[in-house]
Amino acid sequence: DVAQDPPSGAPSEERPFAVQTFTARYDPIEDRICLNAVD
């Protein structure tokens, strides 16, 4: 269910989420890299 609908609290088109810090991790279930980010 990733990217099916805009996430609640997602930034608007005018103001993208400005990442200040992130942690990258490999998610074996998704077989993808996930960036856990904070603004």
PDB file of all heavy atoms in Angstrom:
ATOM      1  N   ASP A   1       0.788  -1.206   0.000  1.00  0.00           N
ATOM      2  CA  ASP A   1       0.000   0.000   0.000  1.00  0.00           C
ATOM      3  C   ASP A   1       0.830   1.270   0.000  1.00  0.00           C
ATOM      4  O   ASP A   1       0.332   2.317   0.342  1.00  0.00           O
ATOM      5  CB  ASP A   1      -1.002   0.016   1.149  1.00  0.00           C
ATOM      6  CG  ASP A   1      -0.420  -0.426   2.463  1.00  0.00           C
ATOM      7  OD1 ASP A   1       0.726  -0.886   2.486  1.00  0.00           O
ATOM      8  OD2 ASP A   1      -1.106  -0.324   3.453  1.00  0.00           O
ATOM      9  N   VAL A   2       2.057   1.202  -0.428  1.00  0.00           N
ATOM     10  CA  VAL A   2       2.859   2.409  -0.529  1.00  0.00           C
ATOM     11  C   VAL A   2       2.458   3.158  -1.789  1.00  0.00           C
ATOM     12  O   VAL A   2       2.287   2.569  -2.848  1.00  0.00           O
ATOM     13  CB  VAL A   2       4.361   2.070  -0.551  1.00  0.00           C
ATOM     14  CG1 VAL A   2       5.167   3.284  -0.911  1.00  0.00           C
ATOM     15  CG2 VAL A   2       4.775   1.530   0.778  1.00  0.00           C
ATOM     16  N   ALA A   3       2.278   4.435  -1.682  1.00  0.00           N
ATOM     17  CA  ALA A   3       1.987   5.349  -2.782  1.00  0.00           C
ATOM     18  C   ALA A   3       0.623   5.110  -3.413  1.00  0.00           C
ATOM     19  O   ALA A   3       0.382   5.551  -4.510  1.00  0.00           O
ATOM     20  CB  ALA A   3       3.088   5.308  -3.838  1.00  0.00           C
ATOM     21  N   GLN A   4      -0.286   4.435  -2.720  1.00  0.00           N
ATOM     22  CA  GLN A   4      -1.639   4.277  -3.236  1.00  0.00           C
ATOM     23  C   GLN A   4      -2.376   5.619  -3.141  1.00  0.00           C
ATOM     24  O   GLN A   4      -2.979   6.059  -4.089  1.00  0.00           O
ATOM     25  CB  GLN A   4      -2.400   3.204  -2.447  1.00  0.00           C
ATOM     26  CG  GLN A   4      -1.794   1.831  -2.549  1.00  0.00           C
ATOM     27  CD  GLN A   4      -1.916   1.263  -3.936  1.00  0.00           C
ATOM     28  OE1 GLN A   4      -2.875   1.511  -4.631  1.00  0.00           O
ATOM     29  NE2 GLN A   4      -0.917   0.515  -4.342  1.00  0.00           N
ATOM     30  N   ASP A   5      -2.338   6.213  -1.989  1.00  0.00           N
ATOM     31  CA  ASP A   5      -2.950   7.509  -1.744  1.00  0.00           C
ATOM     32  C   ASP A   5      -1.898   8.399  -1.118  1.00  0.00           C
ATOM     33  O   ASP A   5      -0.961   7.903  -0.512  1.00  0.00           O
ATOM     34  CB  ASP A   5      -4.121   7.383  -0.754  1.00  0.00           C
ATOM     35  CG  ASP A   5      -5.255   6.543  -1.315  1.00  0.00           C
ATOM     36  OD1 ASP A   5      -5.626   6.771  -2.477  1.00  0.00           O
ATOM     37  OD2 ASP A   5      -5.746   5.661  -0.588  1.00  0.00           O
ATOM     38  N   PRO A   6      -2.042   9.720  -1.250  1.00  0.00           N
ATOM     39  CA  PRO A   6      -1.078  10.581  -0.558  1.00  0.00           C
ATOM     40  C   PRO A   6      -1.122  10.291   0.933  1.00  0.00           C
ATOM     41  O   PRO A   6      -2.201  10.132   1.501  1.00  0.00           O
ATOM     42  CB  PRO A   6      -1.587  11.995  -0.854  1.00  0.00           C
ATOM     43  CG  PRO A   6      -2.511  11.869  -2.014  1.00  0.00           C
ATOM     44  CD  PRO A   6      -3.040  10.465  -1.971  1.00  0.00           C
ATOM     45  N   PRO A   7       0.044  10.171   1.572  1.00  0.00           N
ATOM     46  CA  PRO A   7       0.043   9.896   3.002  1.00  0.00           C
ATOM     47  C   PRO A   7      -0.553  11.062   3.772  1.00  0.00           C
ATOM     48  O   PRO A   7      -0.430  12.211   3.365  1.00  0.00           O
ATOM     49  CB  PRO A   7       1.517   9.706   3.335  1.00  0.00           C
ATOM     50  CG  PRO A   7       2.256  10.353   2.230  1.00  0.00           C
ATOM     51  CD  PRO A   7       1.366  10.301   1.018  1.00  0.00           C
ATOM     52  N   SER A   8      -1.238  10.750   4.860  1.00  0.00           N
ATOM     53  CA  SER A   8      -1.768  11.827   5.688  1.00  0.00           C
ATOM     54  C   SER A   8      -0.587  12.618   6.228  1.00  0.00           C
ATOM     55  O   SER A   8       0.426  12.059   6.603  1.00  0.00           O
ATOM     56  CB  SER A   8      -2.600  11.258   6.830  1.00  0.00           C
ATOM     57  OG  SER A   8      -1.814  10.415   7.622  1.00  0.00           O
ATOM     58  N   GLY A   9      -0.711  13.912   6.213  1.00  0.00           N
ATOM     59  CA  GLY A   9       0.383  14.749   6.680  1.00  0.00           C
ATOM     60  C   GLY A   9       1.458  14.939   5.624  1.00  0.00           C
ATOM     61  O   GLY A   9       2.512  15.472   5.897  1.00  0.00           O
ATOM     62  N   ALA A  10       1.204  14.483   4.386  1.00  0.00           N
ATOM     63  CA  ALA A  10       2.190  14.649   3.318  1.00  0.00           C
ATOM     64  C   ALA A  10       2.296  16.122   2.962  1.00  0.00           C
ATOM     65  O   ALA A  10       1.326  16.871   3.073  1.00  0.00           O
ATOM     66  CB  ALA A  10       1.787  13.846   2.085  1.00  0.00           C
ATOM     67  N   PRO A  11       3.468  16.543   2.521  1.00  0.00           N
ATOM     68  CA  PRO A  11       3.638  17.951   2.169  1.00  0.00           C
ATOM     69  C   PRO A  11       2.837  18.293   0.920  1.00  0.00           C
ATOM     70  O   PRO A  11       2.563  17.441   0.096  1.00  0.00           O
ATOM     71  CB  PRO A  11       5.144  18.066   1.902  1.00  0.00           C
ATOM     72  CG  PRO A  11       5.568  16.684   1.550  1.00  0.00           C
ATOM     73  CD  PRO A  11       4.668  15.767   2.306  1.00  0.00           C
ATOM     74  N   SER A  12       2.467  19.535   0.786  1.00  0.00           N
ATOM     75  CA  SER A  12       1.748  19.971  -0.399  1.00  0.00           C
ATOM     76  C   SER A  12       2.728  20.141  -1.552  1.00  0.00           C
ATOM     77  O   SER A  12       3.929  20.166  -1.369  1.00  0.00           O
ATOM     78  CB  SER A  12       1.035  21.295  -0.106  1.00  0.00           C
ATOM     79  OG  SER A  12       1.999  22.321   0.065  1.00  0.00           O
ATOM     80  N   GLU A  13       2.179  20.275  -2.753  1.00  0.00           N
ATOM     81  CA  GLU A  13       3.021  20.455  -3.939  1.00  0.00           C
ATOM     82  C   GLU A  13       3.881  21.709  -3.815  1.00  0.00           C
ATOM     83  O   GLU A  13       4.981  21.760  -4.302  1.00  0.00           O
ATOM     84  CB  GLU A  13       2.152  20.546  -5.201  1.00  0.00           C
ATOM     85  CG  GLU A  13       1.631  19.225  -5.683  1.00  0.00           C
ATOM     86  CD  GLU A  13       2.725  18.282  -6.164  1.00  0.00           C
ATOM     87  OE1 GLU A  13       3.719  18.733  -6.752  1.00  0.00           O
ATOM     88  OE2 GLU A  13       2.577  17.080  -5.943  1.00  0.00           O
ATOM     89  N   GLU A  14       3.352  22.764  -3.168  1.00  0.00           N
ATOM     90  CA  GLU A  14       4.088  24.019  -3.068  1.00  0.00           C
ATOM     91  C   GLU A  14       5.249  23.923  -2.093  1.00  0.00           C
ATOM     92  O   GLU A  14       6.204  24.659  -2.197  1.00  0.00           O
ATOM     93  CB  GLU A  14       3.162  25.157  -2.602  1.00  0.00           C
ATOM     94  CG  GLU A  14       1.968  25.404  -3.501  1.00  0.00           C
ATOM     95  CD  GLU A  14       0.808  24.472  -3.205  1.00  0.00           C
ATOM     96  OE1 GLU A  14       0.508  24.221  -2.023  1.00  0.00           O
ATOM     97  OE2 GLU A  14       0.193  23.976  -4.161  1.00  0.00           O
ATOM     98  N   ARG A  15       5.153  23.040  -1.119  1.00  0.00           N
ATOM     99  CA  ARG A  15       6.158  22.989  -0.075  1.00  0.00           C
ATOM    100  C   ARG A  15       6.583  21.546   0.163  1.00  0.00           C
ATOM    101  O   ARG A  15       6.026  20.859   1.002  1.00  0.00           O
ATOM    102  CB  ARG A  15       5.604  23.603   1.190  1.00  0.00           C
ATOM    103  CG  ARG A  15       6.627  24.082   2.155  1.00  0.00           C
ATOM    104  CD  ARG A  15       5.949  24.658   3.336  1.00  0.00           C
ATOM    105  NE  ARG A  15       4.860  23.744   3.713  1.00  0.00           N
ATOM    106  CZ  ARG A  15       4.297  23.673   4.887  1.00  0.00           C
ATOM    107  NH1 ARG A  15       4.662  24.469   5.833  1.00  0.00           N
ATOM    108  NH2 ARG A  15       3.346  22.817   5.158  1.00  0.00           N
ATOM    109  N   PRO A  16       7.613  21.083  -0.569  1.00  0.00           N
ATOM    110  CA  PRO A  16       8.064  19.701  -0.378  1.00  0.00           C
ATOM    111  C   PRO A  16       8.636  19.493   1.022  1.00  0.00           C
ATOM    112  O   PRO A  16       9.059  20.433   1.687  1.00  0.00           O
ATOM    113  CB  PRO A  16       9.166  19.520  -1.426  1.00  0.00           C
ATOM    114  CG  PRO A  16       9.065  20.688  -2.334  1.00  0.00           C
ATOM    115  CD  PRO A  16       8.357  21.778  -1.590  1.00  0.00           C
ATOM    116  N   PHE A  17       8.626  18.267   1.451  1.00  0.00           N
ATOM    117  CA  PHE A  17       9.213  17.855   2.722  1.00  0.00           C
ATOM    118  C   PHE A  17      10.715  18.119   2.634  1.00  0.00           C
ATOM    119  O   PHE A  17      11.387  17.593   1.754  1.00  0.00           O
ATOM    120  CB  PHE A  17       8.923  16.363   2.921  1.00  0.00           C
ATOM    121  CG  PHE A  17       9.371  15.806   4.231  1.00  0.00           C
ATOM    122  CD1 PHE A  17       8.651  16.036   5.389  1.00  0.00           C
ATOM    123  CD2 PHE A  17      10.504  15.004   4.308  1.00  0.00           C
ATOM    124  CE1 PHE A  17       9.047  15.494   6.600  1.00  0.00           C
ATOM    125  CE2 PHE A  17      10.905  14.456   5.512  1.00  0.00           C
ATOM    126  CZ  PHE A  17      10.174  14.710   6.663  1.00  0.00           C
ATOM    127  N   ALA A  18      11.246  18.961   3.501  1.00  0.00           N
ATOM    128  CA  ALA A  18      12.665  19.334   3.475  1.00  0.00           C
ATOM    129  C   ALA A  18      13.425  18.460   4.462  1.00  0.00           C
ATOM    130  O   ALA A  18      13.403  18.702   5.665  1.00  0.00           O
ATOM    131  CB  ALA A  18      12.840  20.808   3.818  1.00  0.00           C
ATOM    132  N   VAL A  19      14.090  17.432   3.953  1.00  0.00           N
ATOM    133  CA  VAL A  19      14.798  16.477   4.794  1.00  0.00           C
ATOM    134  C   VAL A  19      15.971  17.155   5.482  1.00  0.00           C
ATOM    135  O   VAL A  19      16.792  17.808   4.840  1.00  0.00           O
ATOM    136  CB  VAL A  19      15.293  15.270   3.962  1.00  0.00           C
ATOM    137  CG1 VAL A  19      16.120  14.320   4.813  1.00  0.00           C
ATOM    138  CG2 VAL A  19      14.112  14.538   3.334  1.00  0.00           C
ATOM    139  N   GLN A  20      16.042  16.992   6.790  1.00  0.00           N
ATOM    140  CA  GLN A  20      17.174  17.513   7.546  1.00  0.00           C
ATOM    141  C   GLN A  20      18.099  16.376   7.960  1.00  0.00           C
ATOM    142  O   GLN A  20      19.305  16.522   7.969  1.00  0.00           O
ATOM    143  CB  GLN A  20      16.696  18.281   8.777  1.00  0.00           C
ATOM    144  CG  GLN A  20      17.820  18.940   9.528  1.00  0.00           C
ATOM    145  CD  GLN A  20      17.311  19.850  10.623  1.00  0.00           C
ATOM    146  OE1 GLN A  20      16.155  19.801  11.012  1.00  0.00           O
ATOM    147  NE2 GLN A  20      18.183  20.698  11.119  1.00  0.00           N
ATOM    148  N   THR A  21      17.522  15.239   8.322  1.00  0.00           N
ATOM    149  CA  THR A  21      18.287  14.065   8.739  1.00  0.00           C
ATOM    150  C   THR A  21      17.574  12.834   8.214  1.00  0.00           C
ATOM    151  O   THR A  21      16.346  12.811   8.157  1.00  0.00           O
ATOM    152  CB  THR A  21      18.341  13.977  10.282  1.00  0.00           C
ATOM    153  OG1 THR A  21      18.841  15.195  10.804  1.00  0.00           O
ATOM    154  CG2 THR A  21      19.224  12.833  10.744  1.00  0.00           C
ATOM    155  N   PHE A  22      18.352  11.820   7.820  1.00  0.00           N
ATOM    156  CA  PHE A  22      17.712  10.562   7.466  1.00  0.00           C
ATOM    157  C   PHE A  22      18.585   9.388   7.859  1.00  0.00           C
ATOM    158  O   PHE A  22      19.789   9.508   8.022  1.00  0.00           O
ATOM    159  CB  PHE A  22      17.342  10.485   5.980  1.00  0.00           C
ATOM    160  CG  PHE A  22      18.501  10.348   5.033  1.00  0.00           C
ATOM    161  CD1 PHE A  22      19.059   9.108   4.752  1.00  0.00           C
ATOM    162  CD2 PHE A  22      19.019  11.458   4.396  1.00  0.00           C
ATOM    163  CE1 PHE A  22      20.117   8.980   3.871  1.00  0.00           C
ATOM    164  CE2 PHE A  22      20.069  11.340   3.512  1.00  0.00           C
ATOM    165  CZ  PHE A  22      20.620  10.097   3.245  1.00  0.00           C
ATOM    166  N   THR A  23      17.935   8.259   8.044  1.00  0.00           N
ATOM    167  CA  THR A  23      18.608   6.991   8.289  1.00  0.00           C
ATOM    168  C   THR A  23      18.167   6.043   7.176  1.00  0.00           C
ATOM    169  O   THR A  23      16.966   5.890   6.940  1.00  0.00           O
ATOM    170  CB  THR A  23      18.218   6.410   9.659  1.00  0.00           C
ATOM    171  OG1 THR A  23      18.603   7.333  10.675  1.00  0.00           O
ATOM    172  CG2 THR A  23      18.911   5.070   9.904  1.00  0.00           C
ATOM    173  N   ALA A  24      19.130   5.462   6.486  1.00  0.00           N
ATOM    174  CA  ALA A  24      18.823   4.491   5.429  1.00  0.00           C
ATOM    175  C   ALA A  24      18.906   3.093   6.014  1.00  0.00           C
ATOM    176  O   ALA A  24      19.795   2.793   6.809  1.00  0.00           O
ATOM    177  CB  ALA A  24      19.815   4.638   4.277  1.00  0.00           C
ATOM    178  N   ARG A  25      17.960   2.254   5.612  1.00  0.00           N
ATOM    179  CA  ARG A  25      17.995   0.861   6.043  1.00  0.00           C
ATOM    180  C   ARG A  25      17.450   0.006   4.908  1.00  0.00           C
ATOM    181  O   ARG A  25      16.599   0.451   4.137  1.00  0.00           O
ATOM    182  CB  ARG A  25      17.205   0.639   7.324  1.00  0.00           C
ATOM    183  CG  ARG A  25      15.724   0.848   7.172  1.00  0.00           C
ATOM    184  CD  ARG A  25      14.929   0.547   8.439  1.00  0.00           C
ATOM    185  NE  ARG A  25      13.527   0.843   8.230  1.00  0.00           N
ATOM    186  CZ  ARG A  25      12.669   0.067   7.589  1.00  0.00           C
ATOM    187  NH1 ARG A  25      13.057  -1.074   7.079  1.00  0.00           N
ATOM    188  NH2 ARG A  25      11.407   0.419   7.444  1.00  0.00           N
ATOM    189  N   TYR A  26      17.933  -1.213   4.834  1.00  0.00           N
ATOM    190  CA  TYR A  26      17.409  -2.157   3.861  1.00  0.00           C
ATOM    191  C   TYR A  26      16.201  -2.833   4.472  1.00  0.00           C
ATOM    192  O   TYR A  26      16.256  -3.322   5.605  1.00  0.00           O
ATOM    193  CB  TYR A  26      18.472  -3.194   3.486  1.00  0.00           C
ATOM    194  CG  TYR A  26      17.909  -4.305   2.637  1.00  0.00           C
ATOM    195  CD1 TYR A  26      17.477  -4.046   1.342  1.00  0.00           C
ATOM    196  CD2 TYR A  26      17.781  -5.592   3.134  1.00  0.00           C
ATOM    197  CE1 TYR A  26      16.934  -5.057   0.563  1.00  0.00           C
ATOM    198  CE2 TYR A  26      17.240  -6.609   2.362  1.00  0.00           C
ATOM    199  CZ  TYR A  26      16.820  -6.335   1.076  1.00  0.00           C
ATOM    200  OH  TYR A  26      16.279  -7.330   0.313  1.00  0.00           O
ATOM    201  N   ASP A  27      15.090  -2.844   3.749  1.00  0.00           N
ATOM    202  CA  ASP A  27      13.873  -3.509   4.189  1.00  0.00           C
ATOM    203  C   ASP A  27      13.750  -4.823   3.417  1.00  0.00           C
ATOM    204  O   ASP A  27      13.420  -4.818   2.232  1.00  0.00           O
ATOM    205  CB  ASP A  27      12.662  -2.614   3.910  1.00  0.00           C
ATOM    206  CG  ASP A  27      11.359  -3.189   4.424  1.00  0.00           C
ATOM    207  OD1 ASP A  27      11.222  -4.435   4.482  1.00  0.00           O
ATOM    208  OD2 ASP A  27      10.457  -2.402   4.754  1.00  0.00           O
ATOM    209  N   PRO A  28      14.049  -5.960   4.073  1.00  0.00           N
ATOM    210  CA  PRO A  28      14.047  -7.232   3.349  1.00  0.00           C
ATOM    211  C   PRO A  28      12.658  -7.661   2.882  1.00  0.00           C
ATOM    212  O   PRO A  28      12.538  -8.359   1.874  1.00  0.00           O
ATOM    213  CB  PRO A  28      14.616  -8.230   4.366  1.00  0.00           C
ATOM    214  CG  PRO A  28      14.416  -7.600   5.693  1.00  0.00           C
ATOM    215  CD  PRO A  28      14.424  -6.117   5.470  1.00  0.00           C
ATOM    216  N   ILE A  29      11.610  -7.251   3.561  1.00  0.00           N
ATOM    217  CA  ILE A  29      10.255  -7.621   3.133  1.00  0.00           C
ATOM    218  C   ILE A  29       9.899  -6.915   1.830  1.00  0.00           C
ATOM    219  O   ILE A  29       9.352  -7.509   0.911  1.00  0.00           O
ATOM    220  CB  ILE A  29       9.233  -7.303   4.247  1.00  0.00           C
ATOM    221  CG1 ILE A  29       9.513  -8.206   5.450  1.00  0.00           C
ATOM    222  CG2 ILE A  29       7.802  -7.473   3.737  1.00  0.00           C
ATOM    223  CD1 ILE A  29       8.736  -7.848   6.685  1.00  0.00           C
ATOM    224  N   GLU A  30      10.234  -5.642   1.731  1.00  0.00           N
ATOM    225  CA  GLU A  30       9.959  -4.870   0.521  1.00  0.00           C
ATOM    226  C   GLU A  30      11.055  -5.032  -0.534  1.00  0.00           C
ATOM    227  O   GLU A  30      10.850  -4.661  -1.687  1.00  0.00           O
ATOM    228  CB  GLU A  30       9.813  -3.386   0.868  1.00  0.00           C
ATOM    229  CG  GLU A  30       8.663  -3.075   1.796  1.00  0.00           C
ATOM    230  CD  GLU A  30       7.302  -3.304   1.174  1.00  0.00           C
ATOM    231  OE1 GLU A  30       7.205  -3.394  -0.064  1.00  0.00           O
ATOM    232  OE2 GLU A  30       6.321  -3.406   1.931  1.00  0.00           O
ATOM    233  N   ASP A  31      12.227  -5.529  -0.129  1.00  0.00           N
ATOM    234  CA  ASP A  31      13.405  -5.609  -0.989  1.00  0.00           C
ATOM    235  C   ASP A  31      13.720  -4.230  -1.570  1.00  0.00           C
ATOM    236  O   ASP A  31      13.961  -4.063  -2.761  1.00  0.00           O
ATOM    237  CB  ASP A  31      13.243  -6.653  -2.095  1.00  0.00           C
ATOM    238  CG  ASP A  31      14.572  -6.978  -2.786  1.00  0.00           C
ATOM    239  OD1 ASP A  31      15.629  -6.875  -2.119  1.00  0.00           O
ATOM    240  OD2 ASP A  31      14.562  -7.324  -3.986  1.00  0.00           O
ATOM    241  N   ARG A  32      13.726  -3.243  -0.673  1.00  0.00           N
ATOM    242  CA  ARG A  32      13.985  -1.858  -1.044  1.00  0.00           C
ATOM    243  C   ARG A  32      14.772  -1.191   0.072  1.00  0.00           C
ATOM    244  O   ARG A  32      14.794  -1.656   1.205  1.00  0.00           O
ATOM    245  CB  ARG A  32      12.668  -1.101  -1.249  1.00  0.00           C
ATOM    246  CG  ARG A  32      11.882  -1.648  -2.412  1.00  0.00           C
ATOM    247  CD  ARG A  32      10.653  -0.832  -2.687  1.00  0.00           C
ATOM    248  NE  ARG A  32      10.073  -1.315  -3.930  1.00  0.00           N
ATOM    249  CZ  ARG A  32       8.797  -1.492  -4.138  1.00  0.00           C
ATOM    250  NH1 ARG A  32       7.938  -1.202  -3.195  1.00  0.00           N
ATOM    251  NH2 ARG A  32       8.362  -1.932  -5.291  1.00  0.00           N
ATOM    252  N   ILE A  33      15.376  -0.070  -0.276  1.00  0.00           N
ATOM    253  CA  ILE A  33      16.022   0.761   0.736  1.00  0.00           C
ATOM    254  C   ILE A  33      14.995   1.778   1.206  1.00  0.00           C
ATOM    255  O   ILE A  33      14.289   2.389   0.400  1.00  0.00           O
ATOM    256  CB  ILE A  33      17.281   1.441   0.165  1.00  0.00           C
ATOM    257  CG1 ILE A  33      18.347   0.381  -0.140  1.00  0.00           C
ATOM    258  CG2 ILE A  33      17.814   2.493   1.139  1.00  0.00           C
ATOM    259  CD1 ILE A  33      19.573   0.903  -0.822  1.00  0.00           C
ATOM    260  N   CYS A  34      14.904   1.944   2.510  1.00  0.00           N
ATOM    261  CA  CYS A  34      13.971   2.900   3.089  1.00  0.00           C
ATOM    262  C   CYS A  34      14.764   4.030   3.740  1.00  0.00           C
ATOM    263  O   CYS A  34      15.691   3.782   4.512  1.00  0.00           O
ATOM    264  CB  CYS A  34      13.094   2.211   4.133  1.00  0.00           C
ATOM    265  SG  CYS A  34      11.909   3.338   4.905  1.00  0.00           S
ATOM    266  N   LEU A  35      14.403   5.248   3.399  1.00  0.00           N
ATOM    267  CA  LEU A  35      14.970   6.419   4.061  1.00  0.00           C
ATOM    268  C   LEU A  35      13.959   6.875   5.106  1.00  0.00           C
ATOM    269  O   LEU A  35      12.886   7.365   4.763  1.00  0.00           O
ATOM    270  CB  LEU A  35      15.225   7.556   3.072  1.00  0.00           C
ATOM    271  CG  LEU A  35      16.159   7.297   1.904  1.00  0.00           C
ATOM    272  CD1 LEU A  35      16.315   8.561   1.072  1.00  0.00           C
ATOM    273  CD2 LEU A  35      17.500   6.806   2.386  1.00  0.00           C
ATOM    274  N   ASN A  36      14.274   6.683   6.374  1.00  0.00           N
ATOM    275  CA  ASN A  36      13.467   7.243   7.449  1.00  0.00           C
ATOM    276  C   ASN A  36      13.982   8.661   7.634  1.00  0.00           C
ATOM    277  O   ASN A  36      15.117   8.863   8.072  1.00  0.00           O
ATOM    278  CB  ASN A  36      13.617   6.434   8.733  1.00  0.00           C
ATOM    279  CG  ASN A  36      12.946   5.085   8.631  1.00  0.00           C
ATOM    280  OD1 ASN A  36      11.944   4.925   7.942  1.00  0.00           O
ATOM    281  ND2 ASN A  36      13.487   4.098   9.310  1.00  0.00           N
ATOM    282  N   ALA A  37      13.147   9.635   7.268  1.00  0.00           N
ATOM    283  CA  ALA A  37      13.590  11.024   7.210  1.00  0.00           C
ATOM    284  C   ALA A  37      12.808  11.890   8.190  1.00  0.00           C
ATOM    285  O   ALA A  37      11.656  11.616   8.509  1.00  0.00           O
ATOM    286  CB  ALA A  37      13.411  11.561   5.792  1.00  0.00           C
ATOM    287  N   VAL A  38      13.465  12.958   8.644  1.00  0.00           N
ATOM    288  CA  VAL A  38      12.840  13.934   9.531  1.00  0.00           C
ATOM    289  C   VAL A  38      13.188  15.332   9.015  1.00  0.00           C
ATOM    290  O   VAL A  38      14.280  15.555   8.485  1.00  0.00           O
ATOM    291  CB  VAL A  38      13.286  13.731  11.007  1.00  0.00           C
ATOM    292  CG1 VAL A  38      14.758  13.984  11.194  1.00  0.00           C
ATOM    293  CG2 VAL A  38      12.474  14.571  11.964  1.00  0.00           C
ATOM    294  N   ASP A  39      12.227  16.251   9.152  1.00  0.00           N
ATOM    295  CA  ASP A  39      12.496  17.629   8.736  1.00  0.00           C
ATOM    296  C   ASP A  39      12.815  18.488   9.960  1.00  0.00           C
ATOM    297  O   ASP A  39      12.885  17.982  11.083  1.00  0.00           O
ATOM    298  CB  ASP A  39      11.337  18.200   7.906  1.00  0.00           C
ATOM    299  CG  ASP A  39      10.060  18.442   8.711  1.00  0.00           C
ATOM    300  OD1 ASP A  39      10.049  18.269   9.949  1.00  0.00           O
ATOM    301  OD2 ASP A  39       9.046  18.818   8.083  1.00  0.00           O
TER     302      ASP A  39
END
